[in-house]
């Protein structure tokens, strides 16, 4: 019943009513127009500047400061999308995008995203969408089979590897703070490499670990974590009355794609437990983990059978739209103890008969991410995905060979998984500060061309450029043109 505090609205006009009742035929026409634009974009994205020439605020200034008072026609909205938004976009699926790691998309994944948006389902539990839950179970089992994961791992889709790592660290924290002899969180320590993704240290802080209890384990000449140093640090912490709670190893570090030695790391974690709960070992394989679907590359996950959890991102190198992160965990009860939440309105009609994935991660609400993964795996099949991965790695090795053959360039790390770290270092120039400045200028000039995009990093203190091959549309010709542009631009100073 209406009250004085909550009166019924009186301005529900016929026009408002018309707009709020979808006109399916109008939607059909607009959808066709959008799909035509999408197809055209996919066909010509390589002709666009890979990165916009935009100054901060240049997009915002073209947009109204307040929302429209009255409805606007879809034609005007789409026109502003084309004329204002698109010129300010970086095209991550441009064949000249060699920065960061790939964030791939593909036609079947795009179509699945359209269907997901149309369904508009909130897939937090089996009862809210049974098909979403069971399709997620199946696709995660498929991924586990593709990776040849040992028995005992159960998968769930998270949004990003950052969130999955945070989930692992919270579970690790609770393993010790809820133990029969609980430890205070300020007594718990976490170990990772300085080459690990920045999300690891951030996740540790978000999980409540004190910043000065996060240990960065020294790396070897190949930028992989040293197990002997890990053992020494853990022993020192135990002697100081602290408790090693988690180790995060990386398979494919962000800067150089280095692979931490999992068997030795897991052995160290187990040996130093001395009858107490073993530190949780989490494996961050966000990018490189996809390569393990290749029989000849499965060695990168050797030792994972002794780890507690693993994450990799199909949204990076397996053609699934962002976001879709595959998290595998051995101790599901421990995960549920940390993340289960109950309320009467969440009551499950068949408790225990199927997983309620709202209890397997941080958010309550969940998107239907399994659909796009299912579409991609079915449309391409394992063999086509394997062929693509092999080709990308071949192109990375080809680019590395060109770098090695040039007297004016040098490579700073092994070429792994299609990633090459290099710098322009003309003979006779030995001053590191000058070399850093030279390569910073080179990167700026390359980006100004609008033809390619790279990202920088530092390895052993040296500034270098990263070229990461991994996009669906990138070919040998694209990589060759990138090298020719890099070489020619460097020659101009």
Protein backbone atom coordinates (compact mmCIF):
# COMPACT_ATOMS: atom_id res chain seq x y z
CA UNK A 1 0.00 0.00 0.00
CA UNK A 2 1.30 3.52 -0.75
CA UNK A 3 2.29 5.65 2.19
CA UNK A 4 3.17 9.30 2.65
CA UNK A 5 6.85 8.28 2.83
CA UNK A 6 6.64 6.17 -0.34
CA UNK A 7 3.93 7.59 -2.61
CA UNK A 8 3.18 5.93 -5.93
CA UNK A 9 4.80 7.72 -8.92
CA UNK A 10 2.52 9.88 -11.01
CA UNK A 11 4.71 10.54 -14.06
CA UNK A 12 4.64 7.13 -15.75
CA UNK A 13 3.98 8.46 -19.23
CA UNK A 14 2.99 6.39 -22.27
CA UNK A 15 6.45 7.05 -23.75
CA UNK A 16 8.12 5.73 -20.60
CA UNK A 17 5.91 2.68 -20.72
CA UNK A 18 6.79 2.08 -24.37
CA UNK A 19 10.53 2.27 -23.72
CA UNK A 20 10.36 0.00 -20.70
CA UNK A 21 8.55 -2.70 -22.68
CA UNK A 22 11.20 -3.94 -25.13
CA UNK A 23 10.25 -3.63 -28.78
CA UNK A 24 11.64 -6.90 -30.08
CA UNK A 25 11.55 -5.83 -33.72
CA UNK A 26 13.38 -2.59 -32.93
CA UNK A 27 15.92 -4.57 -30.92
CA UNK A 28 16.36 -6.99 -33.82
CA UNK A 29 17.16 -4.13 -36.19
CA UNK A 30 19.59 -2.50 -33.76
CA UNK A 31 21.25 -5.81 -33.00
CA UNK A 32 21.83 -6.48 -36.69
CA UNK A 33 23.45 -3.06 -37.00
CA UNK A 34 25.72 -3.74 -34.02
CA UNK A 35 26.69 -7.19 -35.30
CA UNK A 36 27.54 -5.72 -38.70
CA UNK A 37 29.79 -3.20 -36.95
CA UNK A 38 31.38 -5.98 -34.91
CA UNK A 39 32.16 -8.07 -37.99
CA UNK A 40 33.61 -5.04 -39.77
CA UNK A 41 35.74 -4.24 -36.74
CA UNK A 42 37.17 -7.76 -36.60
CA UNK A 43 37.95 -7.55 -40.31
CA UNK A 44 39.78 -4.20 -40.16
CA UNK A 45 41.16 -3.86 -36.64
CA UNK A 46 44.68 -4.26 -38.06
CA UNK A 47 44.23 -1.07 -40.08
CA UNK A 48 43.61 1.04 -36.96
CA UNK A 49 46.28 2.64 -34.76
CA UNK A 50 46.94 0.02 -32.11
CA UNK A 51 47.00 2.71 -29.39
CA UNK A 52 45.10 6.02 -29.40
CA UNK A 53 46.86 9.35 -29.59
CA UNK A 54 44.85 10.75 -26.70
CA UNK A 55 45.74 13.03 -23.82
CA UNK A 56 44.25 12.51 -20.35
CA UNK A 57 40.78 14.05 -20.25
CA UNK A 58 40.41 14.27 -24.03
CA UNK A 59 37.56 11.74 -24.09
CA UNK A 60 35.84 12.93 -20.96
CA UNK A 61 35.64 16.54 -22.15
CA UNK A 62 33.51 15.41 -25.10
CA UNK A 63 30.91 13.79 -22.82
CA UNK A 64 28.12 15.61 -20.94
CA UNK A 65 28.70 16.29 -17.25
CA UNK A 66 25.21 15.03 -16.33
CA UNK A 67 23.03 12.18 -17.62
CA UNK A 68 20.29 12.91 -20.16
CA UNK A 69 16.99 14.06 -18.72
CA UNK A 70 14.99 12.36 -21.49
CA UNK A 71 15.49 9.25 -23.63
CA UNK A 72 17.91 9.49 -26.52
CA UNK A 73 17.66 7.53 -29.77
CA UNK A 74 19.90 4.51 -30.13
CA UNK A 75 21.25 5.98 -33.36
CA UNK A 76 22.78 8.88 -31.40
CA UNK A 77 24.25 6.55 -28.79
CA UNK A 78 25.89 4.34 -31.42
CA UNK A 79 27.19 7.39 -33.27
CA UNK A 80 28.86 8.66 -30.11
CA UNK A 81 30.32 5.21 -29.53
CA UNK A 82 31.89 5.30 -32.99
CA UNK A 83 33.02 8.93 -32.88
CA UNK A 84 34.00 9.47 -29.23
CA UNK A 85 34.65 6.12 -27.60
CA UNK A 86 36.35 4.20 -30.40
CA UNK A 87 39.06 6.80 -31.12
CA UNK A 88 40.11 6.47 -27.47
CA UNK A 89 40.41 2.68 -27.39
CA UNK A 90 43.56 0.57 -27.35
CA UNK A 91 43.00 -2.42 -29.60
CA UNK A 92 44.19 -5.42 -27.60
CA UNK A 93 43.38 -7.81 -30.44
CA UNK A 94 45.28 -5.80 -33.04
CA UNK A 95 47.87 -8.01 -34.81
CA UNK A 96 50.48 -5.43 -33.80
CA UNK A 97 49.65 -5.63 -30.10
CA UNK A 98 52.69 -7.26 -28.50
CA UNK A 99 52.39 -5.74 -25.02
CA UNK A 100 51.68 -7.24 -21.60
CA UNK A 101 50.31 -10.73 -22.31
CA UNK A 102 47.49 -11.36 -24.78
CA UNK A 103 43.88 -10.77 -23.78
CA UNK A 104 42.38 -12.75 -26.59
CA UNK A 105 38.92 -12.92 -27.99
CA UNK A 106 37.48 -15.03 -30.79
CA UNK A 107 34.23 -15.26 -32.77
CA UNK A 108 32.74 -18.18 -30.79
CA UNK A 109 33.58 -16.48 -27.50
CA UNK A 110 31.99 -13.23 -28.66
CA UNK A 111 28.83 -15.05 -29.69
CA UNK A 112 28.67 -16.75 -26.30
CA UNK A 113 29.08 -13.40 -24.55
CA UNK A 114 26.12 -12.08 -26.54
CA UNK A 115 24.02 -15.02 -25.41
CA UNK A 116 25.18 -14.58 -21.81
CA UNK A 117 24.14 -10.93 -21.91
CA UNK A 118 20.79 -11.85 -23.41
CA UNK A 119 20.07 -14.47 -20.74
CA UNK A 120 21.09 -12.08 -17.97
CA UNK A 121 21.38 -14.94 -15.50
CA UNK A 122 22.85 -14.61 -12.02
CA UNK A 123 24.64 -17.93 -11.63
CA UNK A 124 25.59 -17.93 -7.96
CA UNK A 125 24.16 -21.37 -7.20
CA UNK A 126 22.82 -24.50 -8.83
CA UNK A 127 19.24 -23.48 -8.14
CA UNK A 128 19.61 -20.05 -9.76
CA UNK A 129 20.75 -21.66 -13.05
CA UNK A 130 21.35 -25.42 -13.01
CA UNK A 131 22.82 -25.48 -16.52
CA UNK A 132 25.38 -22.80 -15.66
CA UNK A 133 26.68 -24.75 -12.68
CA UNK A 134 26.83 -28.09 -14.45
CA UNK A 135 28.40 -26.63 -17.58
CA UNK A 136 31.06 -25.08 -15.37
CA UNK A 137 31.72 -28.46 -13.80
CA UNK A 138 32.13 -30.06 -17.21
CA UNK A 139 34.33 -27.37 -18.76
CA UNK A 140 36.64 -27.32 -15.74
CA UNK A 141 36.95 -31.10 -15.97
CA UNK A 142 37.81 -30.67 -19.65
CA UNK A 143 40.54 -28.16 -18.78
CA UNK A 144 41.94 -30.45 -16.09
CA UNK A 145 42.07 -33.26 -18.68
CA UNK A 146 43.78 -30.96 -21.21
CA UNK A 147 46.42 -29.98 -18.64
CA UNK A 148 46.80 -33.59 -17.48
CA UNK A 149 46.27 -32.49 -13.88
CA UNK A 150 46.57 -35.30 -11.34
CA UNK A 151 43.55 -36.68 -9.52
CA UNK A 152 42.44 -34.61 -6.59
CA UNK A 153 42.15 -31.18 -8.19
CA UNK A 154 38.69 -29.64 -8.54
CA UNK A 155 38.12 -26.59 -10.72
CA UNK A 156 36.04 -23.45 -10.50
CA UNK A 157 35.96 -20.34 -12.68
CA UNK A 158 37.12 -17.11 -11.04
CA UNK A 159 37.12 -13.75 -12.76
CA UNK A 160 40.89 -13.14 -12.77
CA UNK A 161 44.10 -14.78 -11.58
CA UNK A 162 44.43 -11.92 -9.08
CA UNK A 163 41.17 -12.99 -7.44
CA UNK A 164 42.16 -16.66 -7.54
CA UNK A 165 45.47 -15.90 -5.83
CA UNK A 166 43.62 -13.91 -3.18
CA UNK A 167 41.28 -16.88 -2.65
CA UNK A 168 44.29 -19.17 -2.23
CA UNK A 169 45.95 -16.83 0.27
CA UNK A 170 42.78 -16.42 2.35
CA UNK A 171 42.39 -20.21 2.45
CA UNK A 172 46.04 -20.53 3.47
CA UNK A 173 45.58 -17.93 6.20
CA UNK A 174 42.57 -19.73 7.61
CA UNK A 175 44.38 -23.07 7.59
CA UNK A 176 46.63 -21.68 10.32
CA UNK A 177 44.38 -19.24 12.17
CA UNK A 178 41.68 -21.93 12.54
CA UNK A 179 44.03 -24.81 13.35
CA UNK A 180 43.84 -26.82 16.58
CA UNK A 181 46.66 -24.57 17.80
CA UNK A 182 45.75 -21.37 15.97
CA UNK A 183 48.39 -18.81 15.10
CA UNK A 184 47.85 -15.09 15.10
CA UNK A 185 47.95 -13.62 11.63
CA UNK A 186 50.87 -11.35 12.51
CA UNK A 187 52.91 -14.52 13.04
CA UNK A 188 52.24 -15.87 9.53
CA UNK A 189 54.62 -15.42 6.61
CA UNK A 190 54.19 -15.62 2.83
CA UNK A 191 56.90 -16.38 0.28
CA UNK A 192 57.09 -15.47 -3.39
CA UNK A 193 59.57 -14.21 -5.95
CA UNK A 194 60.35 -10.56 -6.77
CA UNK A 195 59.47 -11.61 -10.33
CA UNK A 196 55.96 -12.70 -9.30
CA UNK A 197 53.04 -10.64 -10.51
CA UNK A 198 52.31 -7.58 -8.39
CA UNK A 199 48.91 -9.08 -7.57
CA UNK A 200 50.60 -11.64 -5.31
CA UNK A 201 51.93 -9.14 -2.77
CA UNK A 202 48.71 -7.15 -3.07
CA UNK A 203 46.66 -10.29 -2.47
CA UNK A 204 48.73 -11.14 0.59
CA UNK A 205 48.06 -7.71 2.07
CA UNK A 206 44.34 -7.96 1.26
CA UNK A 207 44.26 -11.37 2.95
CA UNK A 208 45.57 -9.72 6.11
CA UNK A 209 49.22 -10.74 6.05
CA UNK A 210 51.45 -7.96 7.36
CA UNK A 211 53.56 -6.29 4.65
CA UNK A 212 56.78 -7.05 6.56
CA UNK A 213 55.82 -10.74 6.67
CA UNK A 214 55.89 -11.05 2.86
CA UNK A 215 59.23 -12.57 1.85
CA UNK A 216 60.65 -12.06 -1.63
CA UNK A 217 62.83 -15.03 -2.44
CA UNK A 218 65.95 -14.37 -4.50
CA UNK A 219 65.95 -15.64 -8.09
CA UNK A 220 68.61 -17.35 -10.17
CA UNK A 221 70.20 -16.06 -13.39
CA UNK A 222 67.10 -17.21 -15.28
CA UNK A 223 64.79 -15.18 -12.97
CA UNK A 224 63.28 -18.28 -11.32
CA UNK A 225 62.86 -18.65 -7.56
CA UNK A 226 65.78 -20.32 -5.76
CA UNK A 227 64.55 -23.21 -3.56
CA UNK A 228 67.70 -23.09 -1.42
CA UNK A 229 67.04 -19.47 -0.51
CA UNK A 230 63.39 -20.31 0.16
CA UNK A 231 64.50 -23.06 2.55
CA UNK A 232 66.84 -20.68 4.39
CA UNK A 233 64.17 -17.98 4.75
CA UNK A 234 61.57 -20.42 6.03
CA UNK A 235 64.02 -21.89 8.53
CA UNK A 236 64.97 -18.43 9.79
CA UNK A 237 61.32 -17.52 10.24
CA UNK A 238 60.60 -20.69 12.18
CA UNK A 239 63.57 -19.99 14.43
CA UNK A 240 62.12 -16.52 15.05
CA UNK A 241 58.79 -18.02 16.15
CA UNK A 242 56.98 -17.26 12.90
CA UNK A 243 54.90 -19.69 10.84
CA UNK A 244 55.33 -20.09 7.08
CA UNK A 245 51.75 -20.09 5.79
CA UNK A 246 51.92 -19.84 2.00
CA UNK A 247 54.28 -20.03 -0.95
CA UNK A 248 53.26 -18.62 -4.32
CA UNK A 249 55.27 -20.06 -7.19
CA UNK A 250 55.01 -18.71 -10.73
CA UNK A 251 54.92 -20.59 -14.00
CA UNK A 252 55.57 -17.85 -16.54
CA UNK A 253 56.54 -14.67 -14.69
CA UNK A 254 55.16 -11.41 -16.02
CA UNK A 255 58.47 -9.82 -16.93
CA UNK A 256 60.31 -12.72 -18.54
CA UNK A 257 58.04 -15.83 -18.42
CA UNK A 258 60.45 -17.59 -16.06
CA UNK A 259 59.29 -20.88 -14.52
CA UNK A 260 59.82 -21.46 -10.82
CA UNK A 261 60.96 -25.04 -9.97
CA UNK A 262 57.74 -26.53 -8.56
CA UNK A 263 59.09 -29.93 -7.42
CA UNK A 264 61.85 -28.36 -5.33
CA UNK A 265 59.57 -25.64 -3.94
CA UNK A 266 56.96 -28.20 -2.85
CA UNK A 267 59.68 -30.39 -1.35
CA UNK A 268 61.07 -27.49 0.69
CA UNK A 269 57.59 -26.57 1.90
CA UNK A 270 56.96 -30.14 3.01
CA UNK A 271 60.31 -30.77 4.66
CA UNK A 272 60.15 -27.70 6.86
CA UNK A 273 56.68 -28.42 8.20
CA UNK A 274 58.02 -30.74 10.94
CA UNK A 275 54.68 -32.33 11.65
CA UNK A 276 52.76 -29.06 11.56
CA UNK A 277 50.41 -27.97 8.74
CA UNK A 278 52.42 -27.47 5.58
CA UNK A 279 52.48 -24.03 3.95
CA UNK A 280 49.84 -23.73 1.24
CA UNK A 281 51.59 -23.88 -2.15
CA UNK A 282 49.77 -21.91 -4.84
CA UNK A 283 50.89 -21.96 -8.47
CA UNK A 284 50.28 -18.83 -10.53
CA UNK A 285 50.37 -19.98 -14.16
CA UNK A 286 48.08 -17.20 -15.38
CA UNK A 287 49.59 -16.85 -18.84
CA UNK A 288 51.94 -19.76 -19.44
CA UNK A 289 49.67 -22.45 -18.00
CA UNK A 290 47.84 -22.72 -21.32
CA UNK A 291 51.03 -24.08 -22.90
CA UNK A 292 50.73 -27.19 -20.72
CA UNK A 293 48.00 -28.51 -23.05
CA UNK A 294 50.92 -29.31 -25.39
CA UNK A 295 52.46 -32.70 -24.57
CA UNK A 296 55.94 -31.33 -25.17
CA UNK A 297 55.31 -28.45 -22.73
CA UNK A 298 53.59 -30.39 -19.94
CA UNK A 299 56.90 -30.37 -18.04
CA UNK A 300 56.21 -26.80 -16.90
CA UNK A 301 53.66 -28.21 -14.44
CA UNK A 302 55.84 -31.03 -13.14
CA UNK A 303 55.50 -31.10 -9.38
CA UNK A 304 52.00 -29.61 -9.38
CA UNK A 305 50.71 -32.83 -7.79
CA UNK A 306 52.28 -31.65 -4.53
CA UNK A 307 50.79 -28.14 -4.76
CA UNK A 308 47.52 -27.06 -3.15
CA UNK A 309 46.12 -24.83 -5.88
CA UNK A 310 46.75 -23.67 -9.43
CA UNK A 311 45.39 -20.87 -11.59
CA UNK A 312 45.65 -20.13 -15.29
CA UNK A 313 43.69 -17.82 -17.57
CA UNK A 314 41.86 -19.11 -20.64
CA UNK A 315 41.16 -15.43 -21.28
CA UNK A 316 44.83 -14.90 -22.09
CA UNK A 317 45.98 -17.60 -24.51
CA UNK A 318 42.97 -19.86 -25.17
CA UNK A 319 40.80 -17.39 -27.10
CA UNK A 320 38.18 -16.83 -24.39
CA UNK A 321 37.05 -13.25 -23.81
CA UNK A 322 38.13 -11.55 -20.62
CA UNK A 323 37.29 -12.52 -17.94
CA UNK A 324 37.64 -16.27 -17.35
CA UNK A 325 40.21 -17.61 -14.91
CA UNK A 326 40.49 -21.34 -14.13
CA UNK A 327 41.27 -22.09 -10.47
CA UNK A 328 42.00 -25.64 -9.34
CA UNK A 329 42.16 -26.60 -5.67
CA UNK A 330 42.89 -29.87 -3.88
CA UNK A 331 41.34 -29.17 -0.46
CA UNK A 332 37.78 -28.15 -1.34
CA UNK A 333 36.56 -28.37 2.30
CA UNK A 334 39.23 -25.83 3.30
CA UNK A 335 38.07 -23.53 0.51
CA UNK A 336 34.44 -23.83 1.61
CA UNK A 337 35.30 -23.18 5.25
CA UNK A 338 36.77 -19.84 4.20
CA UNK A 339 34.11 -18.75 1.71
CA UNK A 340 30.78 -20.36 2.52
CA UNK A 341 28.03 -17.94 3.50
CA UNK A 342 24.49 -18.86 4.45
CA UNK A 343 21.21 -17.02 4.68
CA UNK A 344 17.62 -18.16 4.49
CA UNK A 345 17.15 -16.59 1.06
CA UNK A 346 20.14 -18.63 -0.21
CA UNK A 347 18.60 -21.95 0.85
CA UNK A 348 19.41 -24.69 -1.66
CA UNK A 349 16.57 -27.09 -2.57
CA UNK A 350 19.06 -29.98 -3.02
CA UNK A 351 21.83 -29.34 -0.46
CA UNK A 352 25.03 -31.19 -1.23
CA UNK A 353 23.81 -32.56 -4.55
CA UNK A 354 25.65 -29.92 -6.61
CA UNK A 355 28.16 -27.17 -5.84
CA UNK A 356 26.97 -23.66 -5.11
CA UNK A 357 29.81 -21.71 -6.64
CA UNK A 358 28.95 -18.60 -4.65
CA UNK A 359 30.82 -20.41 -1.84
CA UNK A 360 33.95 -21.01 -3.94
CA UNK A 361 35.22 -17.44 -4.17
CA UNK A 362 34.81 -13.84 -3.12
CA UNK A 363 31.65 -12.51 -4.83
CA UNK A 364 28.15 -13.77 -4.18
CA UNK A 365 26.96 -12.99 -7.71
CA UNK A 366 28.50 -14.80 -10.66
CA UNK A 367 28.36 -14.43 -14.43
CA UNK A 368 27.77 -17.37 -16.76
CA UNK A 369 31.45 -17.55 -17.76
CA UNK A 370 31.40 -21.26 -18.57
CA UNK A 371 29.33 -20.67 -21.71
CA UNK A 372 32.05 -18.85 -23.64
CA UNK A 373 34.66 -21.37 -22.51
CA UNK A 374 32.41 -24.19 -23.73
CA UNK A 375 31.86 -22.47 -27.09
CA UNK A 376 35.60 -21.98 -27.62
CA UNK A 377 36.61 -25.51 -26.65
CA UNK A 378 33.96 -27.01 -28.89
CA UNK A 379 34.47 -24.71 -31.88
CA UNK A 380 38.28 -25.07 -32.03
CA UNK A 381 38.91 -28.37 -30.31
CA UNK A 382 42.13 -29.25 -28.55
CA UNK A 383 44.16 -29.82 -31.71
CA UNK A 384 43.52 -26.38 -33.22
CA UNK A 385 44.33 -24.66 -29.93
CA UNK A 386 47.55 -26.67 -29.73
CA UNK A 387 48.46 -25.66 -33.28
CA UNK A 388 47.95 -21.99 -32.41
CA UNK A 389 50.11 -22.19 -29.29
CA UNK A 390 52.94 -23.89 -31.19
CA UNK A 391 52.80 -21.23 -33.89
CA UNK A 392 52.94 -18.37 -31.39
CA UNK A 393 55.95 -19.91 -29.68
CA UNK A 394 57.63 -20.44 -33.04
CA UNK A 395 57.12 -16.78 -33.89
CA UNK A 396 58.62 -15.76 -30.56
CA UNK A 397 61.67 -17.92 -31.22
CA UNK A 398 61.95 -16.44 -34.73
CA UNK A 399 61.93 -12.90 -33.34
CA UNK A 400 64.51 -13.91 -30.71
CA UNK A 401 66.76 -15.24 -33.49
CA UNK A 402 66.58 -11.89 -35.30
CA UNK A 403 67.54 -10.12 -32.09
CA UNK A 404 70.45 -12.49 -31.53
CA UNK A 405 71.71 -12.01 -35.08
CA UNK A 406 71.77 -8.22 -34.80
CA UNK A 407 74.95 -6.63 -33.42
CA UNK A 408 72.93 -3.65 -32.17
CA UNK A 409 70.41 -5.58 -30.05
CA UNK A 410 70.67 -7.96 -27.15
CA UNK A 411 68.28 -10.38 -25.47
CA UNK A 412 68.04 -10.27 -21.67
CA UNK A 413 66.23 -13.54 -20.99
CA UNK A 414 65.42 -16.85 -22.60
CA UNK A 415 62.63 -16.66 -25.15
CA UNK A 416 59.75 -18.56 -23.59
CA UNK A 417 56.07 -18.94 -24.53
CA UNK A 418 56.32 -16.39 -27.35
CA UNK A 419 57.80 -13.70 -25.08
CA UNK A 420 61.09 -11.99 -25.98
CA UNK A 421 62.82 -9.46 -23.69
CA UNK A 422 65.39 -7.37 -25.53
CA UNK A 423 66.97 -3.92 -25.80
CA UNK A 424 68.78 -1.76 -28.29
CA UNK A 425 72.43 -1.82 -27.24
CA UNK A 426 74.74 -0.53 -29.97
CA UNK A 427 78.32 -1.75 -29.82
CA UNK A 428 80.51 0.47 -27.73
CA UNK A 429 77.72 1.93 -25.57
CA UNK A 430 78.18 0.55 -22.08
CA UNK A 431 76.65 3.21 -19.87
CA UNK A 432 73.53 1.63 -18.35
CA UNK A 433 71.74 4.93 -17.73
CA UNK A 434 72.28 5.93 -21.36
CA UNK A 435 71.03 2.53 -22.56
CA UNK A 436 67.93 2.88 -20.41
CA UNK A 437 67.21 6.32 -21.87
CA UNK A 438 67.86 5.06 -25.41
CA UNK A 439 65.32 2.26 -25.04
CA UNK A 440 62.75 4.50 -23.38
CA UNK A 441 62.98 6.79 -26.42
CA UNK A 442 62.72 3.80 -28.72
CA UNK A 443 59.55 2.59 -27.02
CA UNK A 444 57.97 6.06 -27.20
CA UNK A 445 58.77 6.34 -30.90
CA UNK A 446 57.34 2.90 -31.65
CA UNK A 447 54.10 3.74 -29.88
CA UNK A 448 53.88 7.07 -31.66
CA UNK A 449 53.87 5.18 -34.96
CA UNK A 450 50.53 3.59 -34.06
CA UNK A 451 51.66 0.35 -35.67
CA UNK A 452 52.77 -1.77 -32.72
CA UNK A 453 52.55 -1.77 -28.94
CA UNK A 454 55.18 -3.23 -26.59
CA UNK A 455 55.57 -2.95 -22.83
CA UNK A 456 58.75 -2.32 -20.84
CA UNK A 457 60.20 -4.06 -17.82
CA UNK A 458 63.45 -4.30 -15.90
CA UNK A 459 65.53 -7.45 -15.69
CA UNK A 460 68.58 -7.51 -13.43
CA UNK A 461 68.10 -3.76 -13.16
CA UNK A 462 68.25 -3.19 -16.92
CA UNK A 463 65.42 -1.47 -18.79
CA UNK A 464 64.21 -3.59 -21.70
CA UNK A 465 61.30 -4.08 -24.05
CA UNK A 466 58.92 -7.05 -24.03
CA UNK A 467 57.43 -8.43 -27.22
CA UNK A 468 54.72 -10.97 -26.48
CA UNK A 469 53.26 -12.98 -29.35
CA UNK A 470 49.90 -14.52 -28.56
CA UNK A 471 47.00 -13.00 -30.44
CA UNK A 472 44.74 -15.02 -32.69
CA UNK A 473 45.29 -12.81 -35.74
CA UNK A 474 49.06 -12.23 -35.43
CA UNK A 475 51.06 -13.81 -38.28
CA UNK A 476 54.72 -14.19 -39.20
CA UNK A 477 54.34 -11.17 -41.50
CA UNK A 478 53.13 -9.09 -38.54
CA UNK A 479 56.10 -10.16 -36.43
CA UNK A 480 58.51 -9.48 -39.29
CA UNK A 481 57.05 -6.00 -39.84
CA UNK A 482 57.40 -5.34 -36.11
CA UNK A 483 61.09 -6.28 -36.18
CA UNK A 484 61.71 -4.14 -39.27
CA UNK A 485 59.99 -1.18 -37.62
CA UNK A 486 61.94 -1.66 -34.37
CA UNK A 487 65.22 -1.95 -36.26
CA UNK A 488 64.54 1.09 -38.45
CA UNK A 489 63.30 3.24 -35.57
CA UNK A 490 66.33 2.36 -33.44
CA UNK A 491 68.65 3.35 -36.29
CA UNK A 492 67.25 6.90 -36.22
CA UNK A 493 68.48 7.36 -32.65
